[in-house]
Amino acid sequence: MGNNFQSETRISGFISKKDVIFGGLRMHLSSSAQKTFIKRYNAVLDDNNDDSFAKVAAWNAVHEKYGEDENGFCSSEKITA
């Protein structure tokens, strides 16, 4: 998933499960990756009230946990040793 999509993701305020369809997240993240994104985004936003920082932290959480296919879709959990 390229940085362009991530930087173009517009988020403001806390995200509920119903809001997952914004910014094309549904097209790039599996259901479980969407949940990871939302959980991390909301936690970081609650801690520091900075939408931009929360967005970066959420994307980092997704990339740490999920693999990305050739089309930029994050769905498979990474295997850790």
PDB file of N, CA and C in Angstrom:
ATOM      1  N   MET A   1       0.852  -1.161   0.000  1.00  0.00           N
ATOM      2  CA  MET A   1       0.000   0.000   0.000  1.00  0.00           C
ATOM      3  C   MET A   1       0.894   1.219   0.000  1.00  0.00           C
ATOM      4  N   GLY A   2       0.743   2.035  -0.979  1.00  0.00           N
ATOM      5  CA  GLY A   2       1.621   3.184  -1.109  1.00  0.00           C
ATOM      6  C   GLY A   2       1.285   4.294  -0.144  1.00  0.00           C
ATOM      7  N   ASN A   3       2.257   5.154   0.061  1.00  0.00           N
ATOM      8  CA  ASN A   3       2.070   6.281   0.964  1.00  0.00           C
ATOM      9  C   ASN A   3       1.005   7.241   0.469  1.00  0.00           C
ATOM     10  N   ASN A   4       0.749   7.309  -0.843  1.00  0.00           N
ATOM     11  CA  ASN A   4      -0.265   8.212  -1.356  1.00  0.00           C
ATOM     12  C   ASN A   4      -1.627   7.903  -0.763  1.00  0.00           C
ATOM     13  N   PHE A   5      -2.018   6.644  -0.752  1.00  0.00           N
ATOM     14  CA  PHE A   5      -3.318   6.284  -0.189  1.00  0.00           C
ATOM     15  C   PHE A   5      -3.371   6.636   1.287  1.00  0.00           C
ATOM     16  N   GLN A   6      -2.309   6.327   2.007  1.00  0.00           N
ATOM     17  CA  GLN A   6      -2.288   6.600   3.430  1.00  0.00           C
ATOM     18  C   GLN A   6      -2.383   8.098   3.703  1.00  0.00           C
ATOM     19  N   SER A   7      -1.653   8.904   2.967  1.00  0.00           N
ATOM     20  CA  SER A   7      -1.679  10.343   3.218  1.00  0.00           C
ATOM     21  C   SER A   7      -2.991  10.974   2.787  1.00  0.00           C
ATOM     22  N   GLU A   8      -3.701  10.341   1.845  1.00  0.00           N
ATOM     23  CA  GLU A   8      -4.974  10.879   1.381  1.00  0.00           C
ATOM     24  C   GLU A   8      -6.149  10.453   2.259  1.00  0.00           C
ATOM     25  N   THR A   9      -5.918   9.546   3.197  1.00  0.00           N
ATOM     26  CA  THR A   9      -6.986   9.099   4.076  1.00  0.00           C
ATOM     27  C   THR A   9      -7.360  10.249   5.003  1.00  0.00           C
ATOM     28  N   ARG A  10      -8.580  10.726   4.878  1.00  0.00           N
ATOM     29  CA  ARG A  10      -9.031  11.848   5.690  1.00  0.00           C
ATOM     30  C   ARG A  10      -9.887  11.335   6.842  1.00  0.00           C
ATOM     31  N   ILE A  11      -9.420  11.640   8.046  1.00  0.00           N
ATOM     32  CA  ILE A  11     -10.098  11.190   9.246  1.00  0.00           C
ATOM     33  C   ILE A  11     -10.167  12.373  10.199  1.00  0.00           C
ATOM     34  N   SER A  12     -11.274  12.503  10.872  1.00  0.00           N
ATOM     35  CA  SER A  12     -11.404  13.542  11.879  1.00  0.00           C
ATOM     36  C   SER A  12     -12.253  12.994  13.021  1.00  0.00           C
ATOM     37  N   GLY A  13     -11.707  12.968  14.200  1.00  0.00           N
ATOM     38  CA  GLY A  13     -12.443  12.458  15.352  1.00  0.00           C
ATOM     39  C   GLY A  13     -12.392  10.949  15.459  1.00  0.00           C
ATOM     40  N   PHE A  14     -13.044  10.429  16.478  1.00  0.00           N
ATOM     41  CA  PHE A  14     -13.046   8.995  16.718  1.00  0.00           C
ATOM     42  C   PHE A  14     -13.806   8.264  15.618  1.00  0.00           C
ATOM     43  N   ILE A  15     -13.424   7.005  15.390  1.00  0.00           N
ATOM     44  CA  ILE A  15     -14.036   6.191  14.352  1.00  0.00           C
ATOM     45  C   ILE A  15     -14.863   5.100  15.021  1.00  0.00           C
ATOM     46  N   SER A  16     -16.097   4.951  14.575  1.00  0.00           N
ATOM     47  CA  SER A  16     -16.911   3.832  15.029  1.00  0.00           C
ATOM     48  C   SER A  16     -16.857   2.759  13.949  1.00  0.00           C
ATOM     49  N   LYS A  17     -17.303   1.574  14.258  1.00  0.00           N
ATOM     50  CA  LYS A  17     -17.279   0.487  13.283  1.00  0.00           C
ATOM     51  C   LYS A  17     -18.082   0.826  12.038  1.00  0.00           C
ATOM     52  N   LYS A  18     -19.114   1.641  12.158  1.00  0.00           N
ATOM     53  CA  LYS A  18     -19.924   2.015  11.000  1.00  0.00           C
ATOM     54  C   LYS A  18     -19.157   2.915  10.027  1.00  0.00           C
ATOM     55  N   ASP A  19     -18.123   3.587  10.513  1.00  0.00           N
ATOM     56  CA  ASP A  19     -17.397   4.545   9.688  1.00  0.00           C
ATOM     57  C   ASP A  19     -16.298   3.912   8.838  1.00  0.00           C
ATOM     58  N   VAL A  20     -16.156   2.597   8.883  1.00  0.00           N
ATOM     59  CA  VAL A  20     -15.041   1.923   8.208  1.00  0.00           C
ATOM     60  C   VAL A  20     -15.028   2.184   6.705  1.00  0.00           C
ATOM     61  N   ILE A  21     -16.147   2.533   6.121  1.00  0.00           N
ATOM     62  CA  ILE A  21     -16.207   2.684   4.669  1.00  0.00           C
ATOM     63  C   ILE A  21     -15.551   3.960   4.151  1.00  0.00           C
ATOM     64  N   PHE A  22     -15.106   4.868   5.017  1.00  0.00           N
ATOM     65  CA  PHE A  22     -14.521   6.126   4.574  1.00  0.00           C
ATOM     66  C   PHE A  22     -13.168   5.928   3.902  1.00  0.00           C
ATOM     67  N   GLY A  23     -12.795   6.870   3.053  1.00  0.00           N
ATOM     68  CA  GLY A  23     -11.447   6.943   2.510  1.00  0.00           C
ATOM     69  C   GLY A  23     -10.916   5.707   1.805  1.00  0.00           C
ATOM     70  N   GLY A  24     -11.779   4.825   1.391  1.00  0.00           N
ATOM     71  CA  GLY A  24     -11.330   3.647   0.680  1.00  0.00           C
ATOM     72  C   GLY A  24     -10.724   2.570   1.564  1.00  0.00           C
ATOM     73  N   LEU A  25     -10.843   2.694   2.875  1.00  0.00           N
ATOM     74  CA  LEU A  25     -10.255   1.669   3.740  1.00  0.00           C
ATOM     75  C   LEU A  25     -10.808   0.294   3.431  1.00  0.00           C
ATOM     76  N   ARG A  26     -12.071   0.218   3.115  1.00  0.00           N
ATOM     77  CA  ARG A  26     -12.680  -1.072   2.806  1.00  0.00           C
ATOM     78  C   ARG A  26     -11.994  -1.725   1.612  1.00  0.00           C
ATOM     79  N   MET A  27     -11.539  -0.913   0.664  1.00  0.00           N
ATOM     80  CA  MET A  27     -10.900  -1.445  -0.547  1.00  0.00           C
ATOM     81  C   MET A  27      -9.476  -1.929  -0.287  1.00  0.00           C
ATOM     82  N   HIS A  28      -8.848  -1.468   0.780  1.00  0.00           N
ATOM     83  CA  HIS A  28      -7.440  -1.784   1.008  1.00  0.00           C
ATOM     84  C   HIS A  28      -7.171  -2.635   2.243  1.00  0.00           C
ATOM     85  N   LEU A  29      -8.170  -2.783   3.105  1.00  0.00           N
ATOM     86  CA  LEU A  29      -7.965  -3.530   4.340  1.00  0.00           C
ATOM     87  C   LEU A  29      -9.046  -4.586   4.517  1.00  0.00           C
ATOM     88  N   SER A  30      -8.621  -5.770   4.929  1.00  0.00           N
ATOM     89  CA  SER A  30      -9.593  -6.806   5.264  1.00  0.00           C
ATOM     90  C   SER A  30     -10.396  -6.344   6.485  1.00  0.00           C
ATOM     91  N   SER A  31     -11.438  -7.066   6.786  1.00  0.00           N
ATOM     92  CA  SER A  31     -12.269  -6.722   7.935  1.00  0.00           C
ATOM     93  C   SER A  31     -11.441  -6.691   9.220  1.00  0.00           C
ATOM     94  N   SER A  32     -10.584  -7.690   9.417  1.00  0.00           N
ATOM     95  CA  SER A  32      -9.770  -7.722  10.636  1.00  0.00           C
ATOM     96  C   SER A  32      -8.726  -6.607  10.638  1.00  0.00           C
ATOM     97  N   ALA A  33      -8.171  -6.266   9.480  1.00  0.00           N
ATOM     98  CA  ALA A  33      -7.216  -5.156   9.405  1.00  0.00           C
ATOM     99  C   ALA A  33      -7.921  -3.828   9.670  1.00  0.00           C
ATOM    100  N   GLN A  34      -9.170  -3.692   9.228  1.00  0.00           N
ATOM    101  CA  GLN A  34      -9.944  -2.487   9.521  1.00  0.00           C
ATOM    102  C   GLN A  34     -10.133  -2.340  11.031  1.00  0.00           C
ATOM    103  N   LYS A  35     -10.426  -3.439  11.701  1.00  0.00           N
ATOM    104  CA  LYS A  35     -10.612  -3.398  13.153  1.00  0.00           C
ATOM    105  C   LYS A  35      -9.317  -2.991  13.856  1.00  0.00           C
ATOM    106  N   THR A  36      -8.190  -3.504  13.377  1.00  0.00           N
ATOM    107  CA  THR A  36      -6.894  -3.126  13.943  1.00  0.00           C
ATOM    108  C   THR A  36      -6.654  -1.639  13.759  1.00  0.00           C
ATOM    109  N   PHE A  37      -6.936  -1.135  12.554  1.00  0.00           N
ATOM    110  CA  PHE A  37      -6.761   0.285  12.255  1.00  0.00           C
ATOM    111  C   PHE A  37      -7.614   1.131  13.201  1.00  0.00           C
ATOM    112  N   ILE A  38      -8.881   0.790  13.315  1.00  0.00           N
ATOM    113  CA  ILE A  38      -9.813   1.575  14.138  1.00  0.00           C
ATOM    114  C   ILE A  38      -9.396   1.554  15.611  1.00  0.00           C
ATOM    115  N   LYS A  39      -9.050   0.384  16.114  1.00  0.00           N
ATOM    116  CA  LYS A  39      -8.676   0.257  17.523  1.00  0.00           C
ATOM    117  C   LYS A  39      -7.453   1.109  17.843  1.00  0.00           C
ATOM    118  N   ARG A  40      -6.430   1.026  16.991  1.00  0.00           N
ATOM    119  CA  ARG A  40      -5.195   1.792  17.235  1.00  0.00           C
ATOM    120  C   ARG A  40      -5.436   3.285  17.052  1.00  0.00           C
ATOM    121  N   TYR A  41      -6.161   3.659  15.999  1.00  0.00           N
ATOM    122  CA  TYR A  41      -6.447   5.070  15.737  1.00  0.00           C
ATOM    123  C   TYR A  41      -7.166   5.699  16.933  1.00  0.00           C
ATOM    124  N   ASN A  42      -8.222   5.066  17.399  1.00  0.00           N
ATOM    125  CA  ASN A  42      -8.999   5.615  18.508  1.00  0.00           C
ATOM    126  C   ASN A  42      -8.187   5.701  19.795  1.00  0.00           C
ATOM    127  N   ALA A  43      -7.345   4.695  20.055  1.00  0.00           N
ATOM    128  CA  ALA A  43      -6.524   4.703  21.270  1.00  0.00           C
ATOM    129  C   ALA A  43      -5.528   5.853  21.252  1.00  0.00           C
ATOM    130  N   VAL A  44      -4.853   6.037  20.128  1.00  0.00           N
ATOM    131  CA  VAL A  44      -3.863   7.109  20.026  1.00  0.00           C
ATOM    132  C   VAL A  44      -4.544   8.472  20.048  1.00  0.00           C
ATOM    133  N   LEU A  45      -5.673   8.596  19.370  1.00  0.00           N
ATOM    134  CA  LEU A  45      -6.409   9.861  19.390  1.00  0.00           C
ATOM    135  C   LEU A  45      -6.864  10.201  20.810  1.00  0.00           C
ATOM    136  N   ASP A  46      -7.287   9.206  21.551  1.00  0.00           N
ATOM    137  CA  ASP A  46      -7.706   9.426  22.928  1.00  0.00           C
ATOM    138  C   ASP A  46      -6.540   9.904  23.792  1.00  0.00           C
ATOM    139  N   ASP A  47      -5.338   9.391  23.520  1.00  0.00           N
ATOM    140  CA  ASP A  47      -4.156   9.766  24.295  1.00  0.00           C
ATOM    141  C   ASP A  47      -3.656  11.175  23.995  1.00  0.00           C
ATOM    142  N   ASN A  48      -3.661  11.571  22.707  1.00  0.00           N
ATOM    143  CA  ASN A  48      -3.013  12.846  22.386  1.00  0.00           C
ATOM    144  C   ASN A  48      -3.854  13.815  21.558  1.00  0.00           C
ATOM    145  N   ASN A  49      -5.047  13.424  21.154  1.00  0.00           N
ATOM    146  CA  ASN A  49      -5.970  14.309  20.430  1.00  0.00           C
ATOM    147  C   ASN A  49      -5.364  14.887  19.149  1.00  0.00           C
ATOM    148  N   ASP A  50      -4.545  14.102  18.450  1.00  0.00           N
ATOM    149  CA  ASP A  50      -3.912  14.538  17.206  1.00  0.00           C
ATOM    150  C   ASP A  50      -4.299  13.559  16.100  1.00  0.00           C
ATOM    151  N   ASP A  51      -5.213  13.979  15.216  1.00  0.00           N
ATOM    152  CA  ASP A  51      -5.701  13.110  14.142  1.00  0.00           C
ATOM    153  C   ASP A  51      -4.575  12.582  13.259  1.00  0.00           C
ATOM    154  N   SER A  52      -3.645  13.442  12.898  1.00  0.00           N
ATOM    155  CA  SER A  52      -2.551  13.037  12.001  1.00  0.00           C
ATOM    156  C   SER A  52      -1.673  11.982  12.648  1.00  0.00           C
ATOM    157  N   PHE A  53      -1.314  12.183  13.894  1.00  0.00           N
ATOM    158  CA  PHE A  53      -0.480  11.219  14.608  1.00  0.00           C
ATOM    159  C   PHE A  53      -1.214   9.896  14.775  1.00  0.00           C
ATOM    160  N   ALA A  54      -2.513   9.968  15.078  1.00  0.00           N
ATOM    161  CA  ALA A  54      -3.311   8.754  15.247  1.00  0.00           C
ATOM    162  C   ALA A  54      -3.394   7.974  13.941  1.00  0.00           C
ATOM    163  N   LYS A  55      -3.521   8.680  12.823  1.00  0.00           N
ATOM    164  CA  LYS A  55      -3.596   8.016  11.517  1.00  0.00           C
ATOM    165  C   LYS A  55      -2.291   7.270  11.211  1.00  0.00           C
ATOM    166  N   VAL A  56      -1.164   7.918  11.458  1.00  0.00           N
ATOM    167  CA  VAL A  56       0.131   7.275  11.216  1.00  0.00           C
ATOM    168  C   VAL A  56       0.290   6.048  12.110  1.00  0.00           C
ATOM    169  N   ALA A  57      -0.071   6.183  13.371  1.00  0.00           N
ATOM    170  CA  ALA A  57       0.044   5.059  14.296  1.00  0.00           C
ATOM    171  C   ALA A  57      -0.853   3.900  13.879  1.00  0.00           C
ATOM    172  N   ALA A  58      -2.041   4.213  13.390  1.00  0.00           N
ATOM    173  CA  ALA A  58      -2.967   3.170  12.947  1.00  0.00           C
ATOM    174  C   ALA A  58      -2.423   2.432  11.731  1.00  0.00           C
ATOM    175  N   TRP A  59      -1.904   3.176  10.750  1.00  0.00           N
ATOM    176  CA  TRP A  59      -1.317   2.525   9.574  1.00  0.00           C
ATOM    177  C   TRP A  59      -0.124   1.668   9.975  1.00  0.00           C
ATOM    178  N   ASN A  60       0.699   2.169  10.902  1.00  0.00           N
ATOM    179  CA  ASN A  60       1.845   1.388  11.363  1.00  0.00           C
ATOM    180  C   ASN A  60       1.384   0.090  12.018  1.00  0.00           C
ATOM    181  N   ALA A  61       0.320   0.149  12.808  1.00  0.00           N
ATOM    182  CA  ALA A  61      -0.199  -1.056  13.454  1.00  0.00           C
ATOM    183  C   ALA A  61      -0.663  -2.076  12.413  1.00  0.00           C
ATOM    184  N   VAL A  62      -1.323  -1.595  11.364  1.00  0.00           N
ATOM    185  CA  VAL A  62      -1.783  -2.496  10.291  1.00  0.00           C
ATOM    186  C   VAL A  62      -0.587  -3.133   9.599  1.00  0.00           C
ATOM    187  N   HIS A  63       0.418  -2.331   9.263  1.00  0.00           N
ATOM    188  CA  HIS A  63       1.579  -2.872   8.544  1.00  0.00           C
ATOM    189  C   HIS A  63       2.422  -3.800   9.411  1.00  0.00           C
ATOM    190  N   GLU A  64       2.408  -3.612  10.723  1.00  0.00           N
ATOM    191  CA  GLU A  64       3.130  -4.515  11.621  1.00  0.00           C
ATOM    192  C   GLU A  64       2.444  -5.872  11.714  1.00  0.00           C
ATOM    193  N   LYS A  65       1.120  -5.874  11.633  1.00  0.00           N
ATOM    194  CA  LYS A  65       0.362  -7.099  11.859  1.00  0.00           C
ATOM    195  C   LYS A  65      -0.012  -7.850  10.586  1.00  0.00           C
ATOM    196  N   TYR A  66      -0.212  -7.128   9.466  1.00  0.00           N
ATOM    197  CA  TYR A  66      -0.741  -7.744   8.257  1.00  0.00           C
ATOM    198  C   TYR A  66       0.214  -7.631   7.079  1.00  0.00           C
ATOM    199  N   GLY A  67       0.204  -8.687   6.259  1.00  0.00           N
ATOM    200  CA  GLY A  67       0.937  -8.669   5.008  1.00  0.00           C
ATOM    201  C   GLY A  67       0.120  -7.967   3.945  1.00  0.00           C
ATOM    202  N   GLU A  68       0.792  -7.529   2.920  1.00  0.00           N
ATOM    203  CA  GLU A  68       0.149  -6.790   1.831  1.00  0.00           C
ATOM    204  C   GLU A  68       0.359  -7.558   0.531  1.00  0.00           C
ATOM    205  N   ASP A  69      -0.705  -7.737  -0.247  1.00  0.00           N
ATOM    206  CA  ASP A  69      -0.556  -8.447  -1.514  1.00  0.00           C
ATOM    207  C   ASP A  69      -0.091  -7.484  -2.606  1.00  0.00           C
ATOM    208  N   GLU A  70       0.051  -8.003  -3.827  1.00  0.00           N
ATOM    209  CA  GLU A  70       0.571  -7.201  -4.942  1.00  0.00           C
ATOM    210  C   GLU A  70      -0.359  -6.048  -5.332  1.00  0.00           C
ATOM    211  N   ASN A  71      -1.602  -6.100  -4.875  1.00  0.00           N
ATOM    212  CA  ASN A  71      -2.563  -5.029  -5.168  1.00  0.00           C
ATOM    213  C   ASN A  71      -2.689  -4.027  -4.025  1.00  0.00           C
ATOM    214  N   GLY A  72      -1.884  -4.192  -2.978  1.00  0.00           N
ATOM    215  CA  GLY A  72      -1.925  -3.282  -1.849  1.00  0.00           C
ATOM    216  C   GLY A  72      -3.005  -3.588  -0.835  1.00  0.00           C
ATOM    217  N   PHE A  73      -3.576  -4.798  -0.896  1.00  0.00           N
ATOM    218  CA  PHE A  73      -4.632  -5.194   0.038  1.00  0.00           C
ATOM    219  C   PHE A  73      -4.006  -5.879   1.246  1.00  0.00           C
ATOM    220  N   CYS A  74      -4.259  -5.364   2.436  1.00  0.00           N
ATOM    221  CA  CYS A  74      -3.728  -5.950   3.665  1.00  0.00           C
ATOM    222  C   CYS A  74      -4.758  -6.914   4.243  1.00  0.00           C
ATOM    223  N   SER A  75      -4.403  -8.196   4.264  1.00  0.00           N
ATOM    224  CA  SER A  75      -5.369  -9.161   4.755  1.00  0.00           C
ATOM    225  C   SER A  75      -4.750 -10.290   5.566  1.00  0.00           C
ATOM    226  N   SER A  76      -3.592 -10.756   5.199  1.00  0.00           N
ATOM    227  CA  SER A  76      -3.007 -11.908   5.857  1.00  0.00           C
ATOM    228  C   SER A  76      -2.159 -11.465   7.044  1.00  0.00           C
ATOM    229  N   GLU A  77      -2.437 -12.071   8.200  1.00  0.00           N
ATOM    230  CA  GLU A  77      -1.621 -11.752   9.359  1.00  0.00           C
ATOM    231  C   GLU A  77      -0.221 -12.293   9.137  1.00  0.00           C
ATOM    232  N   LYS A  78       0.748 -11.480   9.504  1.00  0.00           N
ATOM    233  CA  LYS A  78       2.142 -11.902   9.381  1.00  0.00           C
ATOM    234  C   LYS A  78       2.442 -12.962  10.423  1.00  0.00           C
ATOM    235  N   ILE A  79       3.287 -13.877  10.046  1.00  0.00           N
ATOM    236  CA  ILE A  79       3.708 -14.924  10.975  1.00  0.00           C
ATOM    237  C   ILE A  79       4.983 -14.458  11.648  1.00  0.00           C
ATOM    238  N   THR A  80       4.973 -14.494  12.987  1.00  0.00           N
ATOM    239  CA  THR A  80       6.157 -14.091  13.726  1.00  0.00           C
ATOM    240  C   THR A  80       6.768 -15.296  14.383  1.00  0.00           C
ATOM    241  N   ALA A  81       8.090 -15.315  14.407  1.00  0.00           N
ATOM    242  CA  ALA A  81       8.796 -16.458  14.989  1.00  0.00           C
ATOM    243  C   ALA A  81       9.060 -16.239  16.446  1.00  0.00           C
TER     244      ALA A  81
END
